[in-house]
Amino acid sequence: MSLETLRGFALALPHAEEGTSCSNVAFKAGAKNFFFMGTKDDVMVLRFKLVDKVAEAEQVSEKSPEIYSVGPSGWTTVRLPLTARFPAKRFHAWMKDSYRALVPKKLQQSG
């Protein structure tokens, strides 16, 4: 899986658009950013706002704190080498959770 795959997942969600926030690529629907991705050196950095999947993120962060970190409000950061294989199903589910948590319901339903 690549950053392009993640971009495709994000843009497939209803009303999703790509933009920028600081030096990251940001994906939003309406005025709400729901996913961020970027690179620093040879590391990809991903950010999701989790609600339903936050317990899962906390579990994986306990096992791999060098890769996953969960903030007190559910914002979850993932740091992986650009060459690493990463869990497509997990990140796709996390992106949908983030989208559902942040994007207005009327936009979610009209897609």
N, C-alpha and C. Protein backbone atom coordinates (compact mmCIF):
# COMPACT_ATOMS: atom_id res chain seq x y z
N MET A 1 0.85 -1.18 0.00
CA MET A 1 0.00 0.00 0.00
C MET A 1 0.89 1.23 0.00
N SER A 2 0.46 2.26 -0.68
CA SER A 2 1.25 3.48 -0.80
C SER A 2 0.43 4.69 -0.37
N LEU A 3 1.09 5.82 -0.33
CA LEU A 3 0.37 7.06 -0.05
C LEU A 3 -0.69 7.31 -1.11
N GLU A 4 -0.43 6.89 -2.34
CA GLU A 4 -1.43 7.05 -3.41
C GLU A 4 -2.68 6.22 -3.12
N THR A 5 -2.50 5.05 -2.54
CA THR A 5 -3.64 4.22 -2.18
C THR A 5 -4.47 4.92 -1.12
N LEU A 6 -3.80 5.49 -0.13
CA LEU A 6 -4.51 6.24 0.92
C LEU A 6 -5.23 7.45 0.33
N ARG A 7 -4.60 8.13 -0.59
CA ARG A 7 -5.23 9.27 -1.27
C ARG A 7 -6.51 8.80 -1.97
N GLY A 8 -6.44 7.67 -2.63
CA GLY A 8 -7.61 7.12 -3.31
C GLY A 8 -8.74 6.79 -2.34
N PHE A 9 -8.40 6.19 -1.19
CA PHE A 9 -9.41 5.90 -0.16
C PHE A 9 -10.09 7.19 0.27
N ALA A 10 -9.30 8.22 0.55
CA ALA A 10 -9.85 9.48 1.04
C ALA A 10 -10.75 10.14 0.01
N LEU A 11 -10.29 10.20 -1.23
CA LEU A 11 -11.06 10.89 -2.27
C LEU A 11 -12.30 10.12 -2.70
N ALA A 12 -12.38 8.84 -2.34
CA ALA A 12 -13.57 8.05 -2.67
C ALA A 12 -14.73 8.34 -1.72
N LEU A 13 -14.47 9.00 -0.60
CA LEU A 13 -15.54 9.33 0.34
C LEU A 13 -16.37 10.49 -0.19
N PRO A 14 -17.67 10.52 0.09
CA PRO A 14 -18.54 11.56 -0.45
C PRO A 14 -18.06 12.97 -0.15
N HIS A 15 -17.98 13.78 -1.17
CA HIS A 15 -17.64 15.20 -1.10
C HIS A 15 -16.21 15.47 -0.64
N ALA A 16 -15.35 14.46 -0.63
CA ALA A 16 -13.98 14.65 -0.18
C ALA A 16 -13.19 15.45 -1.19
N GLU A 17 -12.36 16.33 -0.66
CA GLU A 17 -11.48 17.16 -1.48
C GLU A 17 -10.09 17.14 -0.87
N GLU A 18 -9.10 17.32 -1.71
CA GLU A 18 -7.72 17.36 -1.25
C GLU A 18 -7.24 18.81 -1.18
N GLY A 19 -6.51 19.12 -0.13
CA GLY A 19 -5.92 20.44 0.04
C GLY A 19 -4.63 20.31 0.83
N THR A 20 -4.22 21.40 1.45
CA THR A 20 -3.02 21.36 2.26
C THR A 20 -3.28 22.02 3.61
N SER A 21 -2.50 21.59 4.58
CA SER A 21 -2.51 22.18 5.91
C SER A 21 -1.08 22.12 6.40
N CYS A 22 -0.49 23.28 6.59
CA CYS A 22 0.95 23.36 6.89
C CYS A 22 1.69 22.65 5.77
N SER A 23 2.49 21.67 6.07
CA SER A 23 3.24 20.98 5.01
C SER A 23 2.63 19.61 4.70
N ASN A 24 1.40 19.38 5.15
CA ASN A 24 0.74 18.10 4.95
C ASN A 24 -0.36 18.19 3.90
N VAL A 25 -0.69 17.05 3.34
CA VAL A 25 -1.87 16.95 2.49
C VAL A 25 -3.04 16.73 3.45
N ALA A 26 -4.10 17.47 3.26
CA ALA A 26 -5.28 17.36 4.12
C ALA A 26 -6.48 17.00 3.26
N PHE A 27 -7.31 16.13 3.78
CA PHE A 27 -8.53 15.75 3.08
C PHE A 27 -9.71 16.22 3.92
N LYS A 28 -10.65 16.85 3.24
CA LYS A 28 -11.81 17.39 3.95
C LYS A 28 -13.07 17.19 3.14
N ALA A 29 -14.18 17.32 3.83
CA ALA A 29 -15.50 17.36 3.20
C ALA A 29 -16.22 18.48 3.91
N GLY A 30 -16.80 19.38 3.14
CA GLY A 30 -17.30 20.60 3.75
C GLY A 30 -16.10 21.36 4.28
N ALA A 31 -16.19 21.86 5.48
CA ALA A 31 -15.08 22.59 6.07
C ALA A 31 -14.30 21.77 7.09
N LYS A 32 -14.53 20.46 7.12
CA LYS A 32 -13.94 19.61 8.15
C LYS A 32 -12.85 18.69 7.58
N ASN A 33 -11.62 18.89 8.04
CA ASN A 33 -10.53 17.98 7.69
C ASN A 33 -10.71 16.69 8.46
N PHE A 34 -10.61 15.57 7.76
CA PHE A 34 -10.78 14.28 8.42
C PHE A 34 -9.55 13.38 8.33
N PHE A 35 -8.57 13.73 7.52
CA PHE A 35 -7.38 12.89 7.38
C PHE A 35 -6.23 13.76 6.88
N PHE A 36 -5.05 13.52 7.47
CA PHE A 36 -3.85 14.23 7.07
C PHE A 36 -2.77 13.21 6.75
N MET A 37 -1.97 13.51 5.74
CA MET A 37 -0.82 12.66 5.45
C MET A 37 0.31 13.53 4.93
N GLY A 38 1.51 13.10 5.25
CA GLY A 38 2.68 13.83 4.80
C GLY A 38 3.91 12.95 4.95
N THR A 39 5.04 13.51 4.60
CA THR A 39 6.29 12.80 4.76
C THR A 39 7.30 13.74 5.41
N LYS A 40 8.15 13.14 6.21
CA LYS A 40 9.25 13.87 6.81
C LYS A 40 10.44 12.94 6.77
N ASP A 41 11.48 13.38 6.08
CA ASP A 41 12.63 12.51 5.81
C ASP A 41 12.11 11.28 5.07
N ASP A 42 12.33 10.11 5.57
CA ASP A 42 11.86 8.89 4.90
C ASP A 42 10.71 8.25 5.65
N VAL A 43 9.92 9.09 6.33
CA VAL A 43 8.82 8.59 7.16
C VAL A 43 7.50 9.20 6.69
N MET A 44 6.48 8.34 6.55
CA MET A 44 5.14 8.85 6.27
C MET A 44 4.47 9.12 7.62
N VAL A 45 3.74 10.22 7.67
CA VAL A 45 3.03 10.59 8.88
C VAL A 45 1.55 10.73 8.53
N LEU A 46 0.72 9.96 9.22
CA LEU A 46 -0.72 9.94 8.98
C LEU A 46 -1.43 10.36 10.25
N ARG A 47 -2.55 11.10 10.10
CA ARG A 47 -3.34 11.49 11.27
C ARG A 47 -4.81 11.24 11.01
N PHE A 48 -5.45 10.58 11.97
CA PHE A 48 -6.87 10.25 11.92
C PHE A 48 -7.52 10.72 13.22
N LYS A 49 -8.76 11.15 13.17
CA LYS A 49 -9.54 11.46 14.37
C LYS A 49 -10.45 10.26 14.62
N LEU A 50 -10.13 9.46 15.64
CA LEU A 50 -10.87 8.23 15.86
C LEU A 50 -11.86 8.37 17.01
N VAL A 51 -12.99 7.71 16.83
CA VAL A 51 -14.03 7.62 17.87
C VAL A 51 -14.33 6.14 18.09
N ASP A 52 -14.97 5.51 17.11
CA ASP A 52 -15.33 4.10 17.24
C ASP A 52 -14.10 3.19 17.22
N LYS A 53 -13.03 3.61 16.61
CA LYS A 53 -11.83 2.79 16.47
C LYS A 53 -10.71 3.20 17.42
N VAL A 54 -10.98 4.11 18.36
CA VAL A 54 -9.92 4.59 19.24
C VAL A 54 -9.39 3.49 20.16
N ALA A 55 -10.22 2.59 20.61
CA ALA A 55 -9.75 1.49 21.47
C ALA A 55 -8.76 0.61 20.71
N GLU A 56 -9.06 0.34 19.45
CA GLU A 56 -8.14 -0.43 18.61
C GLU A 56 -6.81 0.29 18.48
N ALA A 57 -6.86 1.59 18.23
CA ALA A 57 -5.64 2.38 18.10
C ALA A 57 -4.83 2.38 19.40
N GLU A 58 -5.51 2.46 20.52
CA GLU A 58 -4.81 2.42 21.81
C GLU A 58 -4.11 1.08 22.01
N GLN A 59 -4.75 0.00 21.58
CA GLN A 59 -4.13 -1.33 21.69
C GLN A 59 -2.87 -1.43 20.85
N VAL A 60 -2.94 -0.98 19.60
CA VAL A 60 -1.75 -1.09 18.75
C VAL A 60 -0.68 -0.11 19.19
N SER A 61 -1.07 1.01 19.80
CA SER A 61 -0.06 1.96 20.28
C SER A 61 0.68 1.40 21.50
N GLU A 62 0.02 0.56 22.29
CA GLU A 62 0.71 -0.09 23.41
C GLU A 62 1.76 -1.07 22.92
N LYS A 63 1.46 -1.75 21.82
CA LYS A 63 2.40 -2.74 21.26
C LYS A 63 3.51 -2.08 20.45
N SER A 64 3.19 -0.97 19.78
CA SER A 64 4.16 -0.32 18.89
C SER A 64 4.13 1.21 19.10
N PRO A 65 4.56 1.69 20.28
CA PRO A 65 4.49 3.13 20.55
C PRO A 65 5.40 3.97 19.66
N GLU A 66 6.39 3.34 19.04
CA GLU A 66 7.26 4.07 18.13
C GLU A 66 6.56 4.37 16.80
N ILE A 67 5.45 3.68 16.54
CA ILE A 67 4.70 3.87 15.29
C ILE A 67 3.39 4.59 15.52
N TYR A 68 2.65 4.20 16.54
CA TYR A 68 1.30 4.72 16.79
C TYR A 68 1.27 5.55 18.07
N SER A 69 0.56 6.66 18.02
CA SER A 69 0.29 7.42 19.25
C SER A 69 -1.13 7.97 19.17
N VAL A 70 -1.82 7.89 20.31
CA VAL A 70 -3.21 8.33 20.40
C VAL A 70 -3.27 9.48 21.39
N GLY A 71 -3.79 10.61 20.93
CA GLY A 71 -3.95 11.77 21.80
C GLY A 71 -5.22 11.67 22.62
N PRO A 72 -5.37 12.55 23.62
CA PRO A 72 -6.53 12.47 24.52
C PRO A 72 -7.87 12.70 23.82
N SER A 73 -7.88 13.38 22.71
CA SER A 73 -9.15 13.63 22.00
C SER A 73 -9.38 12.65 20.84
N GLY A 74 -8.55 11.61 20.76
CA GLY A 74 -8.74 10.60 19.72
C GLY A 74 -7.91 10.80 18.46
N TRP A 75 -7.21 11.95 18.35
CA TRP A 75 -6.35 12.13 17.18
C TRP A 75 -5.21 11.13 17.28
N THR A 76 -5.09 10.32 16.26
CA THR A 76 -4.12 9.23 16.23
C THR A 76 -3.10 9.50 15.14
N THR A 77 -1.84 9.43 15.51
CA THR A 77 -0.74 9.65 14.58
C THR A 77 -0.02 8.35 14.32
N VAL A 78 0.29 8.11 13.06
CA VAL A 78 1.03 6.93 12.64
C VAL A 78 2.29 7.42 11.93
N ARG A 79 3.44 6.87 12.34
CA ARG A 79 4.72 7.20 11.71
C ARG A 79 5.36 5.89 11.23
N LEU A 80 5.49 5.76 9.91
CA LEU A 80 6.07 4.55 9.32
C LEU A 80 7.09 4.92 8.26
N PRO A 81 8.14 4.11 8.11
CA PRO A 81 9.06 4.34 6.99
C PRO A 81 8.29 4.27 5.67
N LEU A 82 8.70 5.09 4.72
CA LEU A 82 8.02 5.10 3.41
C LEU A 82 8.04 3.72 2.74
N THR A 83 9.02 2.92 3.05
CA THR A 83 9.14 1.61 2.42
C THR A 83 8.39 0.52 3.18
N ALA A 84 7.79 0.86 4.32
CA ALA A 84 7.11 -0.15 5.14
C ALA A 84 5.80 -0.59 4.50
N ARG A 85 5.47 -1.84 4.76
CA ARG A 85 4.13 -2.33 4.41
C ARG A 85 3.23 -1.94 5.55
N PHE A 86 2.03 -1.52 5.24
CA PHE A 86 1.13 -1.16 6.33
C PHE A 86 -0.26 -1.69 6.10
N PRO A 87 -1.04 -1.77 7.17
CA PRO A 87 -2.33 -2.47 7.13
C PRO A 87 -3.42 -1.68 6.40
N ALA A 88 -3.65 -2.03 5.17
CA ALA A 88 -4.63 -1.31 4.35
C ALA A 88 -6.02 -1.33 4.96
N LYS A 89 -6.47 -2.48 5.40
CA LYS A 89 -7.83 -2.57 5.95
C LYS A 89 -7.97 -1.70 7.19
N ARG A 90 -6.97 -1.74 8.07
CA ARG A 90 -7.02 -0.93 9.29
C ARG A 90 -7.09 0.56 8.94
N PHE A 91 -6.19 1.01 8.08
CA PHE A 91 -6.15 2.44 7.78
C PHE A 91 -7.39 2.88 7.01
N HIS A 92 -7.94 2.03 6.19
CA HIS A 92 -9.18 2.35 5.49
C HIS A 92 -10.31 2.50 6.50
N ALA A 93 -10.40 1.58 7.45
CA ALA A 93 -11.44 1.65 8.49
C ALA A 93 -11.24 2.90 9.37
N TRP A 94 -9.99 3.21 9.69
CA TRP A 94 -9.73 4.40 10.51
C TRP A 94 -10.10 5.67 9.76
N MET A 95 -9.84 5.69 8.46
CA MET A 95 -10.18 6.87 7.68
C MET A 95 -11.70 7.07 7.66
N LYS A 96 -12.44 5.98 7.50
CA LYS A 96 -13.91 6.09 7.50
C LYS A 96 -14.42 6.52 8.87
N ASP A 97 -13.81 6.04 9.94
CA ASP A 97 -14.19 6.45 11.29
C ASP A 97 -13.95 7.95 11.48
N SER A 98 -12.81 8.41 11.03
CA SER A 98 -12.47 9.83 11.13
C SER A 98 -13.45 10.69 10.33
N TYR A 99 -13.76 10.23 9.14
CA TYR A 99 -14.72 10.92 8.27
C TYR A 99 -16.08 11.02 8.97
N ARG A 100 -16.58 9.89 9.49
CA ARG A 100 -17.88 9.88 10.17
C ARG A 100 -17.89 10.78 11.40
N ALA A 101 -16.75 10.86 12.09
CA ALA A 101 -16.67 11.65 13.31
C ALA A 101 -16.68 13.15 13.03
N LEU A 102 -16.15 13.57 11.90
CA LEU A 102 -15.92 15.00 11.68
C LEU A 102 -16.78 15.65 10.60
N VAL A 103 -17.14 14.90 9.59
CA VAL A 103 -17.87 15.49 8.45
C VAL A 103 -19.36 15.58 8.78
N PRO A 104 -19.98 16.72 8.48
CA PRO A 104 -21.42 16.86 8.76
C PRO A 104 -22.23 15.72 8.12
N LYS A 105 -23.20 15.23 8.88
CA LYS A 105 -24.01 14.08 8.45
C LYS A 105 -24.67 14.32 7.10
N LYS A 106 -25.12 15.55 6.84
CA LYS A 106 -25.81 15.83 5.58
C LYS A 106 -24.89 15.61 4.37
N LEU A 107 -23.61 15.85 4.54
CA LEU A 107 -22.66 15.58 3.44
C LEU A 107 -22.41 14.08 3.30
N GLN A 108 -22.36 13.39 4.42
CA GLN A 108 -22.14 11.94 4.39
C GLN A 108 -23.28 11.24 3.66
N GLN A 109 -24.49 11.70 3.86
CA GLN A 109 -25.66 11.05 3.31
C GLN A 109 -25.95 11.45 1.88
N SER A 110 -25.41 12.57 1.43
CA SER A 110 -25.73 13.03 0.08
C SER A 110 -24.70 12.57 -0.95
N GLY A 111 -23.78 11.72 -0.55
CA GLY A 111 -22.76 11.24 -1.47
C GLY A 111 -23.21 10.10 -2.21
